[in-house]
Amino acid sequence: MSAFVTDQFRILNTNNFIDSITNETDYYYVFVGLSNPKGSLIGRNPNWEGADGVLPGDAVVPDPVDNYDYLTHYGDLIQYGKRVIPQNVRRCIRKIEWKQGTKYDMYRHDYSATNRSVVTDRARIYDTNYYVINSLYQVYICISNGSSGTNPTGKESQDEPTFTDLEPSKAGASGDGYIWKYLFTVPPTDIIKFDSIEFIPLPNDWSTSTSTQIANVRNNGNSDVNNNQIKFVYIDNSGSGGYSDGEVDILGDGSGARVFINTDDNGKITNTTVTTGGSGYTYGIVDLGPLQQTQNFTQPAKLIPIIPPSKGHGYDLYRELGSDKVLVYSRFDSSTKDFPSDCKFAQIGIVRNPLSFISDNTYTNSTFSGLYSLKVTLGSSTVPVVGELMQQQVTGGYAYGYVASFDRETSILKYFKDRSLVYNTSTADQTDYVGISTFSKNLEFSGTNIISGAGGFTATIDTSFNASTLTINNKIINLDSSFISGASSPEINKTSGDIIFIDNRPLVTRSSRQKEDIKIILEF
């Protein structure tokens, strides 16, 4: 027996993901970190750090690995996260741009392995090119591409659709045979955030939106109210002759649909025009009986009423366009001290429902810092360099970390602790070594002992600092972290939550004037 997951299941999962963000049943965060692969790190070896502050693993972009060990390792290296809000997430579909002289597929409800699309040769409707976006960011579905039983490959589109009428229409006077149905216009705000060379963003609230544009298209597509479900009847075979012109019923499991038939001098069917679309159809057959001039057909005509999804074109946009992808947008800038302006990152991801640090409560704030922080006083003219290994002798052994940022104005040093710091210094793994009892403990920086960096800096923790702000030159600076005895922990438990997306990429070096616009595509 064969089985498969349907397209509608993927669309449902997409809807559920959007709903969980909108209704705040789940909290998702886009985060940045480092993609250091396990085994490529050199642990506490102070000689790995170069003068340019290159972090371990930066030279080669590693492929992500989906296992528990690697996912928790990602947590070690998370630096900053920003919550995904409804305004920054959109369903999306493949971008198919209208271009003059191009053939497009028409919408059909019956594409299959034995009835493939005539232009793209696809068996699945959502893989065909049956909709377009024009130069004005208006989206249309192709009701007819001029194809028929005598012209099965369709025609080239010559007239760009630009109208916003509610009913299907020709786009111009070229006679290219195309009929288009207007669906929606991508608003300027969505163009700025979500436009890409590959995808078209869809409105998030199609079924409930009070936007006049959306409501008009949606309500017009409700055939229960407007009796206008079927828009087109395809001529698969015009027959051998013996038909006359006239208006007839479309039979099936719905009601009310009628179509006018045109024929040539030999009684072959040449054109169909739906006069009333009816409602409630999942299949249909044209009753040509009243137009038959003879009962002796060499070849009877075959007309196929094209059944729109749901109640009609435009009523359920997500099902009509097969929206099983989500585009998540996030902008990272220097508006918060949580995201240092001098850090480096080489990984982008999404984590779901992380917990607050040392808590069982789901973290819900708009941003988080994934770094440890220290308020320090430098003891040398050398300053900490991003990526530099640092250590401090503390009770029980040594504390180790890698510098993630150093803010000269506030003297806040941010760092992360990677698991390589407790591994064998030669093999960078769990191989036993002399001194493991002293050097392989995960200890915290604390107290007044000197912190020393592999690049030469020295510093001490300002243990008298217990605040979340600093006043410098009469300016109050919000540190976005609360310090106790000069130290601050990450705001989330980095071993918690579900990492649902990981993308490793070449190293990005930030600056204070830099903003990162991140767009992530999730496919369900």
Protein backbone atom coordinates (compact mmCIF):
# COMPACT_ATOMS: atom_id res chain seq x y z
CA MET A 1 0.00 0.00 0.00
CA SER A 2 1.18 3.52 -0.73
CA ALA A 3 0.53 6.63 1.34
CA PHE A 4 1.57 10.26 1.37
CA VAL A 5 1.19 13.44 3.37
CA THR A 6 -1.08 15.81 1.48
CA ASP A 7 -0.40 19.42 0.56
CA GLN A 8 -3.27 20.45 2.80
CA PHE A 9 -1.46 18.97 5.82
CA ARG A 10 1.56 21.18 5.05
CA ILE A 11 -0.68 24.21 4.66
CA LEU A 12 -2.35 23.35 7.98
CA ASN A 13 1.05 23.17 9.71
CA THR A 14 1.93 26.56 8.25
CA ASN A 15 -1.31 28.02 9.59
CA ASN A 16 -0.68 26.48 13.02
CA PHE A 17 2.81 27.98 13.16
CA ILE A 18 1.47 31.45 12.32
CA ASP A 19 -1.36 31.06 14.84
CA SER A 20 1.03 30.05 17.62
CA ILE A 21 2.93 33.31 17.11
CA THR A 22 -0.18 35.47 16.78
CA ASN A 23 -1.92 33.94 19.80
CA GLU A 24 1.29 33.76 21.89
CA THR A 25 0.95 30.07 22.61
CA ASP A 26 4.62 29.72 21.67
CA TYR A 27 7.55 32.14 21.71
CA TYR A 28 10.07 32.02 18.89
CA TYR A 29 13.36 33.90 18.74
CA VAL A 30 15.71 34.50 15.85
CA PHE A 31 19.23 34.26 17.23
CA VAL A 32 22.80 34.73 16.07
CA GLY A 33 25.77 32.73 17.28
CA LEU A 34 28.86 30.93 16.08
CA SER A 35 29.03 27.79 14.01
CA ASN A 36 32.16 26.25 15.53
CA PRO A 37 31.88 22.54 14.77
CA LYS A 38 32.64 20.10 17.56
CA GLY A 39 36.14 18.75 17.08
CA SER A 40 37.47 21.81 15.23
CA LEU A 41 38.13 23.78 18.39
CA ILE A 42 41.50 23.89 20.08
CA GLY A 43 40.20 24.23 23.60
CA ARG A 44 42.36 26.18 26.03
CA ASN A 45 45.40 26.28 23.72
CA PRO A 46 46.30 30.00 23.83
CA ASN A 47 48.10 29.87 20.49
CA TRP A 48 44.98 29.46 18.35
CA GLU A 49 44.00 33.11 18.65
CA GLY A 50 45.28 35.27 15.80
CA ALA A 51 45.93 38.99 15.90
CA ASP A 52 42.76 39.62 13.87
CA GLY A 53 40.57 37.95 16.48
CA VAL A 54 39.47 35.09 14.23
CA LEU A 55 37.33 32.64 16.15
CA PRO A 56 37.86 28.88 16.01
CA GLY A 57 36.02 27.24 13.15
CA ASP A 58 35.66 30.46 11.14
CA ALA A 59 37.81 29.37 8.21
CA VAL A 60 35.37 26.71 7.01
CA VAL A 61 31.58 26.99 7.11
CA PRO A 62 30.48 23.67 8.64
CA ASP A 63 27.30 21.85 7.67
CA PRO A 64 24.72 21.85 10.47
CA VAL A 65 24.21 18.55 12.27
CA ASP A 66 20.83 17.53 13.68
CA ASN A 67 21.55 15.63 16.88
CA TYR A 68 21.20 16.37 20.58
CA ASP A 69 24.91 16.94 21.14
CA TYR A 70 25.22 19.44 18.32
CA LEU A 71 22.00 21.26 19.19
CA THR A 72 23.14 21.84 22.76
CA HIS A 73 26.51 22.92 21.41
CA TYR A 74 24.71 25.60 19.41
CA GLY A 75 23.35 26.81 22.74
CA ASP A 76 26.89 27.36 24.01
CA LEU A 77 27.49 29.82 21.20
CA ILE A 78 24.22 31.81 21.10
CA GLN A 79 25.00 35.50 21.49
CA TYR A 80 21.78 37.39 20.95
CA GLY A 81 18.12 36.73 20.19
CA LYS A 82 15.09 38.73 19.10
CA ARG A 83 11.50 37.59 19.44
CA VAL A 84 9.45 36.82 16.32
CA ILE A 85 6.27 38.94 16.35
CA PRO A 86 3.23 38.64 14.05
CA GLN A 87 4.22 41.77 12.12
CA ASN A 88 7.48 40.09 11.13
CA VAL A 89 6.22 36.78 9.80
CA ARG A 90 4.36 36.04 6.57
CA ARG A 91 3.23 33.02 4.63
CA CYS A 92 4.94 33.01 1.26
CA ILE A 93 4.89 31.32 -2.13
CA ARG A 94 7.33 30.97 -5.00
CA LYS A 95 7.80 34.19 -6.95
CA ILE A 96 6.58 33.80 -10.54
CA GLU A 97 6.97 37.11 -12.33
CA TRP A 98 4.89 38.10 -15.35
CA LYS A 99 7.06 38.58 -18.44
CA GLN A 100 5.79 39.33 -21.89
CA GLY A 101 6.10 36.43 -24.30
CA THR A 102 6.06 33.79 -21.55
CA LYS A 103 3.70 30.83 -21.35
CA TYR A 104 1.98 30.18 -18.04
CA ASP A 105 -0.02 27.25 -16.76
CA MET A 106 -3.69 27.76 -16.01
CA TYR A 107 -5.28 26.84 -12.72
CA ARG A 108 -6.76 23.36 -12.82
CA HIS A 109 -8.07 21.24 -10.00
CA ASP A 110 -7.22 17.94 -11.70
CA TYR A 111 -3.48 17.93 -12.39
CA SER A 112 -2.04 14.48 -11.76
CA ALA A 113 0.58 12.02 -12.99
CA THR A 114 -1.65 11.25 -15.97
CA ASN A 115 -2.83 14.83 -16.51
CA ARG A 116 0.28 16.97 -16.23
CA SER A 117 0.44 20.75 -16.68
CA VAL A 118 0.98 21.69 -20.33
CA VAL A 119 3.70 24.31 -19.75
CA THR A 120 5.77 23.09 -16.79
CA ASP A 121 4.92 19.38 -17.10
CA ARG A 122 4.06 19.02 -13.41
CA ALA A 123 1.65 16.64 -11.70
CA ARG A 124 1.08 18.88 -8.67
CA ILE A 125 -0.83 22.16 -8.95
CA TYR A 126 1.48 24.00 -6.55
CA ASP A 127 4.52 23.12 -8.67
CA THR A 128 3.03 24.72 -11.78
CA ASN A 129 3.29 28.37 -12.86
CA TYR A 130 -0.41 29.16 -12.59
CA TYR A 131 -0.13 32.58 -10.92
CA VAL A 132 2.02 35.68 -11.45
CA ILE A 133 3.10 38.87 -9.74
CA ASN A 134 3.28 41.92 -11.99
CA SER A 135 5.50 45.00 -11.94
CA LEU A 136 3.06 46.73 -9.56
CA TYR A 137 3.29 43.89 -6.99
CA GLN A 138 -0.23 42.72 -7.86
CA VAL A 139 -0.87 38.97 -7.83
CA TYR A 140 -3.14 37.18 -10.31
CA ILE A 141 -4.21 33.61 -10.91
CA CYS A 142 -4.38 32.37 -14.50
CA ILE A 143 -7.92 31.19 -15.26
CA SER A 144 -7.14 30.44 -18.91
CA ASN A 145 -3.89 30.42 -20.91
CA GLY A 146 -5.55 29.96 -24.31
CA SER A 147 -5.05 26.20 -24.30
CA SER A 148 -7.61 23.68 -25.49
CA GLY A 149 -7.78 20.24 -27.02
CA THR A 150 -6.72 21.71 -30.37
CA ASN A 151 -4.02 23.92 -28.77
CA PRO A 152 -2.86 21.92 -25.73
CA THR A 153 0.31 23.93 -24.99
CA GLY A 154 -1.41 27.29 -24.61
CA LYS A 155 -0.20 30.65 -25.86
CA GLU A 156 2.38 33.23 -24.91
CA SER A 157 1.09 35.99 -22.63
CA GLN A 158 1.33 39.42 -24.26
CA ASP A 159 -0.72 41.71 -22.01
CA GLU A 160 0.40 42.39 -18.43
CA PRO A 161 -2.57 42.18 -16.05
CA THR A 162 -2.94 45.39 -14.04
CA PHE A 163 -6.68 45.57 -13.37
CA THR A 164 -8.19 45.07 -9.90
CA ASP A 165 -11.70 44.04 -10.98
CA LEU A 166 -13.27 41.29 -8.91
CA GLU A 167 -14.22 39.08 -11.83
CA PRO A 168 -11.77 37.36 -14.23
CA SER A 169 -10.89 39.37 -17.29
CA LYS A 170 -8.56 39.71 -20.25
CA ALA A 171 -5.58 41.96 -19.60
CA GLY A 172 -5.51 43.67 -23.01
CA ALA A 173 -6.53 43.58 -26.64
CA SER A 174 -3.77 41.35 -28.04
CA GLY A 175 -6.03 38.31 -28.21
CA ASP A 176 -3.46 36.13 -26.40
CA GLY A 177 -6.30 34.06 -24.90
CA TYR A 178 -5.30 34.71 -21.27
CA ILE A 179 -7.90 35.34 -18.58
CA TRP A 180 -6.64 36.52 -15.19
CA LYS A 181 -8.24 36.75 -11.75
CA TYR A 182 -6.93 39.49 -9.45
CA LEU A 183 -6.16 38.30 -5.90
CA PHE A 184 -4.25 40.94 -3.92
CA THR A 185 -1.55 43.60 -3.94
CA VAL A 186 1.56 43.26 -1.77
CA PRO A 187 1.55 46.41 0.44
CA PRO A 188 4.65 48.68 0.55
CA THR A 189 5.40 47.71 4.17
CA ASP A 190 5.59 44.03 3.20
CA ILE A 191 7.72 44.84 0.16
CA ILE A 192 10.30 46.52 2.41
CA LYS A 193 10.42 43.69 4.94
CA PHE A 194 9.66 40.55 3.01
CA ASP A 195 10.37 41.06 -0.68
CA SER A 196 12.93 38.68 -2.12
CA ILE A 197 14.02 37.39 -5.50
CA GLU A 198 12.46 33.99 -4.79
CA PHE A 199 9.26 34.48 -2.78
CA ILE A 200 6.03 36.49 -2.62
CA PRO A 201 4.68 37.34 0.87
CA LEU A 202 0.98 36.74 1.49
CA PRO A 203 -1.30 38.66 3.86
CA ASN A 204 -1.43 36.92 7.24
CA ASP A 205 -5.08 37.46 8.13
CA TRP A 206 -6.88 36.75 4.87
CA SER A 207 -10.00 35.21 6.44
CA THR A 208 -10.50 38.00 9.01
CA SER A 209 -8.93 41.10 7.47
CA THR A 210 -11.04 44.25 7.36
CA SER A 211 -8.89 45.72 4.57
CA THR A 212 -11.27 46.82 1.83
CA GLN A 213 -9.08 45.29 -0.86
CA ILE A 214 -8.84 41.90 0.83
CA ALA A 215 -12.44 41.81 2.06
CA ASN A 216 -13.82 42.56 -1.40
CA VAL A 217 -11.84 39.76 -3.06
CA ARG A 218 -12.56 37.31 -0.24
CA ASN A 219 -16.26 38.03 -0.07
CA ASN A 220 -16.64 37.95 -3.85
CA GLY A 221 -15.10 34.48 -3.76
CA ASN A 222 -17.84 33.21 -1.43
CA SER A 223 -20.08 31.39 -3.89
CA ASP A 224 -22.60 30.60 -1.16
CA VAL A 225 -23.46 34.29 -1.24
CA ASN A 226 -22.66 35.29 -4.82
CA ASN A 227 -23.45 32.07 -6.74
CA ASN A 228 -20.25 32.50 -8.76
CA GLN A 229 -18.02 29.51 -8.02
CA ILE A 230 -17.11 28.14 -11.47
CA LYS A 231 -15.31 30.66 -13.67
CA PHE A 232 -14.18 28.60 -16.64
CA VAL A 233 -15.06 25.51 -18.65
CA TYR A 234 -12.11 23.97 -20.50
CA ILE A 235 -12.59 22.55 -24.00
CA ASP A 236 -10.66 19.30 -23.85
CA ASN A 237 -12.29 18.02 -27.04
CA SER A 238 -14.51 20.16 -29.28
CA GLY A 239 -16.24 17.10 -30.73
CA SER A 240 -16.75 16.04 -34.33
CA GLY A 241 -19.73 18.33 -34.88
CA GLY A 242 -23.46 18.25 -34.43
CA TYR A 243 -23.81 20.86 -31.66
CA SER A 244 -25.55 24.20 -31.73
CA ASP A 245 -25.06 27.46 -29.82
CA GLY A 246 -26.87 27.86 -26.53
CA GLU A 247 -26.83 28.10 -22.73
CA VAL A 248 -26.90 24.87 -20.71
CA ASP A 249 -26.58 23.64 -17.15
CA ILE A 250 -23.46 22.39 -15.40
CA LEU A 251 -24.48 19.29 -13.48
CA GLY A 252 -22.64 17.69 -10.56
CA ASP A 253 -22.78 17.88 -6.77
CA GLY A 254 -23.32 21.64 -6.82
CA SER A 255 -26.10 23.72 -8.30
CA GLY A 256 -26.86 26.83 -10.28
CA ALA A 257 -23.95 26.92 -12.75
CA ARG A 258 -24.63 27.57 -16.43
CA VAL A 259 -22.40 27.97 -19.46
CA PHE A 260 -22.97 29.41 -22.94
CA ILE A 261 -21.60 27.30 -25.81
CA ASN A 262 -20.39 28.69 -29.15
CA THR A 263 -19.89 26.45 -32.19
CA ASP A 264 -18.55 26.78 -35.73
CA ASP A 265 -20.39 26.10 -38.99
CA ASN A 266 -19.75 22.37 -38.56
CA GLY A 267 -21.19 22.24 -35.07
CA LYS A 268 -17.83 21.91 -33.31
CA ILE A 269 -17.56 23.68 -29.96
CA THR A 270 -15.23 26.70 -30.21
CA ASN A 271 -15.80 28.69 -27.05
CA THR A 272 -17.37 28.50 -23.61
CA THR A 273 -18.53 31.37 -21.40
CA VAL A 274 -19.70 30.75 -17.86
CA THR A 275 -22.84 32.83 -17.35
CA THR A 276 -23.62 31.73 -13.78
CA GLY A 277 -20.97 30.13 -11.58
CA GLY A 278 -23.26 28.38 -9.12
CA SER A 279 -22.05 26.99 -5.78
CA GLY A 280 -21.16 23.79 -3.97
CA TYR A 281 -19.31 22.00 -6.76
CA THR A 282 -16.45 19.56 -6.25
CA TYR A 283 -17.00 18.11 -9.73
CA GLY A 284 -19.13 19.02 -12.71
CA ILE A 285 -20.27 17.87 -16.15
CA VAL A 286 -21.82 20.04 -18.83
CA ASP A 287 -25.26 18.93 -19.98
CA LEU A 288 -24.91 19.28 -23.77
CA GLY A 289 -28.12 17.35 -24.44
CA PRO A 290 -30.23 20.40 -25.37
CA LEU A 291 -27.62 21.45 -27.96
CA GLN A 292 -27.27 18.11 -29.73
CA GLN A 293 -28.45 18.30 -33.35
CA THR A 294 -27.91 14.56 -33.79
CA GLN A 295 -27.49 11.51 -31.59
CA ASN A 296 -24.89 9.94 -33.86
CA PHE A 297 -21.58 11.47 -32.83
CA THR A 298 -18.36 10.24 -34.38
CA GLN A 299 -16.65 11.93 -31.45
CA PRO A 300 -18.60 13.57 -28.60
CA ALA A 301 -17.27 16.78 -27.05
CA LYS A 302 -15.50 16.76 -23.71
CA LEU A 303 -15.86 19.89 -21.60
CA ILE A 304 -14.28 20.12 -18.14
CA PRO A 305 -15.66 22.63 -15.62
CA ILE A 306 -12.64 23.90 -13.66
CA ILE A 307 -13.45 23.72 -9.95
CA PRO A 308 -11.86 26.43 -7.78
CA PRO A 309 -10.53 25.57 -4.32
CA SER A 310 -12.92 26.02 -1.41
CA LYS A 311 -15.97 28.11 -2.32
CA GLY A 312 -14.36 30.09 -5.12
CA HIS A 313 -11.27 31.91 -6.34
CA GLY A 314 -10.06 34.35 -3.68
CA TYR A 315 -12.06 32.93 -0.78
CA ASP A 316 -9.23 30.86 0.76
CA LEU A 317 -5.98 32.39 -0.47
CA TYR A 318 -3.67 30.02 1.38
CA ARG A 319 -5.23 26.88 -0.06
CA GLU A 320 -5.53 28.44 -3.51
CA LEU A 321 -1.84 29.35 -3.68
CA GLY A 322 -0.48 26.43 -1.64
CA SER A 323 1.20 28.45 1.11
CA ASP A 324 3.35 25.86 2.90
CA LYS A 325 6.26 28.22 3.52
CA VAL A 326 6.80 30.99 6.07
CA LEU A 327 9.15 33.96 5.75
CA VAL A 328 10.47 35.23 9.08
CA TYR A 329 12.00 38.72 9.16
CA SER A 330 14.20 40.15 11.89
CA ARG A 331 16.35 43.26 12.06
CA PHE A 332 19.35 43.40 14.38
CA ASP A 333 20.89 46.78 15.13
CA SER A 334 22.66 48.56 17.97
CA SER A 335 19.53 49.81 19.70
CA THR A 336 20.15 47.45 22.62
CA LYS A 337 23.29 46.58 24.57
CA ASP A 338 22.14 42.96 24.36
CA PHE A 339 23.57 42.88 20.83
CA PRO A 340 27.16 44.18 20.91
CA SER A 341 28.26 46.33 18.00
CA ASP A 342 31.75 44.76 17.90
CA CYS A 343 30.82 41.08 17.97
CA LYS A 344 31.21 38.46 15.28
CA PHE A 345 28.70 35.78 14.30
CA ALA A 346 28.54 32.94 11.81
CA GLN A 347 25.23 31.27 12.57
CA ILE A 348 21.55 32.21 12.38
CA GLY A 349 18.82 30.13 13.95
CA ILE A 350 15.36 30.03 15.49
CA VAL A 351 14.68 28.70 18.98
CA ARG A 352 11.21 27.96 20.37
CA ASN A 353 10.23 28.51 24.01
CA PRO A 354 13.60 28.95 25.72
CA LEU A 355 13.43 29.19 29.50
CA SER A 356 14.62 32.09 31.57
CA PHE A 357 18.04 31.68 33.16
CA ILE A 358 17.82 29.39 36.22
CA SER A 359 14.04 29.18 35.91
CA ASP A 360 11.27 26.91 34.64
CA ASN A 361 9.41 29.86 33.17
CA THR A 362 9.31 30.39 29.40
CA TYR A 363 11.26 33.49 28.42
CA THR A 364 8.91 36.08 26.85
CA ASN A 365 10.80 39.38 26.59
CA SER A 366 11.43 40.99 23.21
CA THR A 367 15.20 40.36 23.16
CA PHE A 368 17.74 38.35 25.09
CA SER A 369 21.46 38.24 25.63
CA GLY A 370 23.03 34.82 25.41
CA LEU A 371 26.37 36.05 26.74
CA TYR A 372 27.97 36.31 30.15
CA SER A 373 29.09 39.85 31.10
CA LEU A 374 31.63 41.37 33.46
CA LYS A 375 32.14 44.97 34.57
CA VAL A 376 35.93 45.16 34.54
CA THR A 377 38.81 47.50 35.22
CA LEU A 378 41.66 47.05 32.78
CA GLY A 379 45.09 46.55 34.25
CA SER A 380 46.96 46.92 30.95
CA SER A 381 47.06 49.14 27.90
CA THR A 382 46.11 46.10 25.83
CA VAL A 383 42.35 45.73 25.42
CA PRO A 384 40.38 42.47 24.99
CA VAL A 385 40.03 41.33 21.38
CA VAL A 386 36.94 39.52 20.09
CA GLY A 387 37.69 35.80 20.05
CA GLU A 388 40.49 36.02 22.58
CA LEU A 389 40.84 33.25 25.16
CA MET A 390 40.75 34.51 28.74
CA GLN A 391 41.17 32.80 32.10
CA GLN A 392 41.05 33.48 35.83
CA GLN A 393 42.13 31.38 38.80
CA VAL A 394 39.14 30.84 41.06
CA THR A 395 38.26 28.55 43.93
CA GLY A 396 38.51 24.97 42.70
CA GLY A 397 40.49 25.64 39.54
CA TYR A 398 40.25 28.02 36.58
CA ALA A 399 37.45 29.85 34.79
CA TYR A 400 37.77 30.07 31.01
CA GLY A 401 35.93 31.97 28.28
CA TYR A 402 36.20 33.53 24.84
CA VAL A 403 35.79 37.29 24.44
CA ALA A 404 32.63 38.10 22.47
CA SER A 405 32.70 41.89 22.92
CA PHE A 406 34.41 44.68 24.82
CA ASP A 407 32.72 48.06 25.20
CA ARG A 408 35.41 50.66 25.94
CA GLU A 409 32.85 53.27 27.03
CA THR A 410 31.25 51.10 29.72
CA SER A 411 34.12 48.64 30.35
CA ILE A 412 31.64 45.79 29.93
CA LEU A 413 33.32 42.59 28.75
CA LYS A 414 31.01 39.96 27.25
CA TYR A 415 32.09 36.37 26.77
CA PHE A 416 30.86 32.88 26.03
CA LYS A 417 31.91 29.50 27.41
CA ASP A 418 32.31 26.77 24.82
CA ARG A 419 32.54 23.10 25.79
CA SER A 420 35.95 22.90 24.13
CA LEU A 421 37.27 24.79 27.16
CA VAL A 422 37.02 21.65 29.29
CA TYR A 423 38.21 19.21 26.64
CA ASN A 424 41.68 17.79 26.09
CA THR A 425 43.86 20.69 24.90
CA SER A 426 45.60 18.56 22.26
CA THR A 427 42.73 16.54 20.79
CA ALA A 428 39.86 19.00 21.48
CA ASP A 429 37.65 16.12 22.61
CA GLN A 430 36.92 13.97 25.67
CA THR A 431 40.28 12.15 25.65
CA ASP A 432 41.70 11.83 29.17
CA TYR A 433 44.68 14.04 30.02
CA VAL A 434 46.89 14.99 32.94
CA GLY A 435 45.28 17.77 34.96
CA ILE A 436 41.68 16.98 34.02
CA SER A 437 40.57 17.29 37.67
CA THR A 438 41.83 20.89 37.76
CA PHE A 439 41.30 22.20 34.28
CA SER A 440 38.04 20.56 33.14
CA LYS A 441 35.63 22.15 35.59
CA ASN A 442 32.98 24.54 34.31
CA LEU A 443 33.70 27.39 36.74
CA GLU A 444 32.52 30.99 36.73
CA PHE A 445 34.58 34.18 36.63
CA SER A 446 34.27 35.86 40.03
CA GLY A 447 36.16 37.65 42.79
CA THR A 448 39.13 39.96 42.50
CA ASN A 449 41.81 37.72 41.00
CA ILE A 450 43.31 38.96 37.74
CA ILE A 451 41.75 37.90 34.45
CA SER A 452 44.37 37.42 31.76
CA GLY A 453 43.88 37.14 28.02
CA ALA A 454 45.90 35.14 25.53
CA GLY A 455 46.52 38.37 23.62
CA GLY A 456 48.02 40.14 26.63
CA PHE A 457 45.21 42.04 28.31
CA THR A 458 44.68 41.91 32.08
CA ALA A 459 41.63 43.02 34.04
CA THR A 460 39.85 42.69 37.35
CA ILE A 461 36.14 42.46 38.02
CA ASP A 462 34.54 45.51 39.62
CA THR A 463 32.82 43.47 42.33
CA SER A 464 31.24 46.62 43.81
CA PHE A 465 29.06 47.09 40.71
CA ASN A 466 25.45 46.06 41.34
CA ALA A 467 23.24 47.79 38.76
CA SER A 468 21.72 47.62 35.29
CA THR A 469 22.66 51.17 34.23
CA LEU A 470 25.75 53.36 34.13
CA THR A 471 26.03 57.15 34.17
CA ILE A 472 28.87 58.43 32.01
CA ASN A 473 29.30 62.15 31.28
CA ASN A 474 25.78 62.79 32.64
CA LYS A 475 24.38 60.21 30.20
CA ILE A 476 22.48 57.21 31.58
CA ILE A 477 23.35 54.03 29.68
CA ASN A 478 21.00 51.06 29.95
CA LEU A 479 23.10 47.90 29.99
CA ASP A 480 20.06 45.63 29.35
CA SER A 481 21.45 43.26 32.00
CA SER A 482 21.45 43.28 35.78
CA PHE A 483 24.88 42.93 37.38
CA ILE A 484 25.59 41.41 40.80
CA SER A 485 29.13 41.76 42.14
CA GLY A 486 30.21 42.92 38.68
CA ALA A 487 28.88 39.87 36.83
CA SER A 488 25.80 39.15 34.74
CA SER A 489 24.55 35.83 33.34
CA PRO A 490 22.74 35.11 30.03
CA GLU A 491 19.04 35.94 30.11
CA ILE A 492 18.00 32.49 28.86
CA ASN A 493 18.87 28.96 29.81
CA LYS A 494 20.82 28.08 26.67
CA THR A 495 20.23 24.35 27.07
CA SER A 496 16.45 24.86 26.94
CA GLY A 497 13.98 25.36 24.11
CA ASP A 498 13.71 23.68 20.74
CA ILE A 499 16.05 24.81 17.98
CA ILE A 500 13.94 24.48 14.84
CA PHE A 501 16.23 26.13 12.29
CA ILE A 502 19.99 26.46 11.84
CA ASP A 503 21.93 28.19 9.07
CA ASN A 504 25.74 28.33 9.16
CA ARG A 505 27.39 31.00 7.05
CA PRO A 506 30.68 32.89 6.60
CA LEU A 507 31.75 35.06 9.51
CA VAL A 508 30.03 38.45 9.86
CA THR A 509 31.94 41.21 11.67
CA ARG A 510 29.66 43.91 13.08
CA SER A 511 30.21 47.63 13.50
CA SER A 512 28.28 50.32 15.36
CA ARG A 513 26.82 51.62 12.07
CA GLN A 514 25.73 48.21 10.89
CA LYS A 515 22.25 46.68 10.74
CA GLU A 516 21.47 43.10 9.83
CA ASP A 517 18.21 42.34 8.02
CA ILE A 518 17.63 38.61 8.37
CA LYS A 519 15.06 36.72 6.29
CA ILE A 520 14.48 33.03 7.00
CA ILE A 521 12.31 30.70 4.93
CA LEU A 522 10.67 27.80 6.79
CA GLU A 523 9.06 25.12 4.64
CA PHE A 524 6.49 22.80 6.16
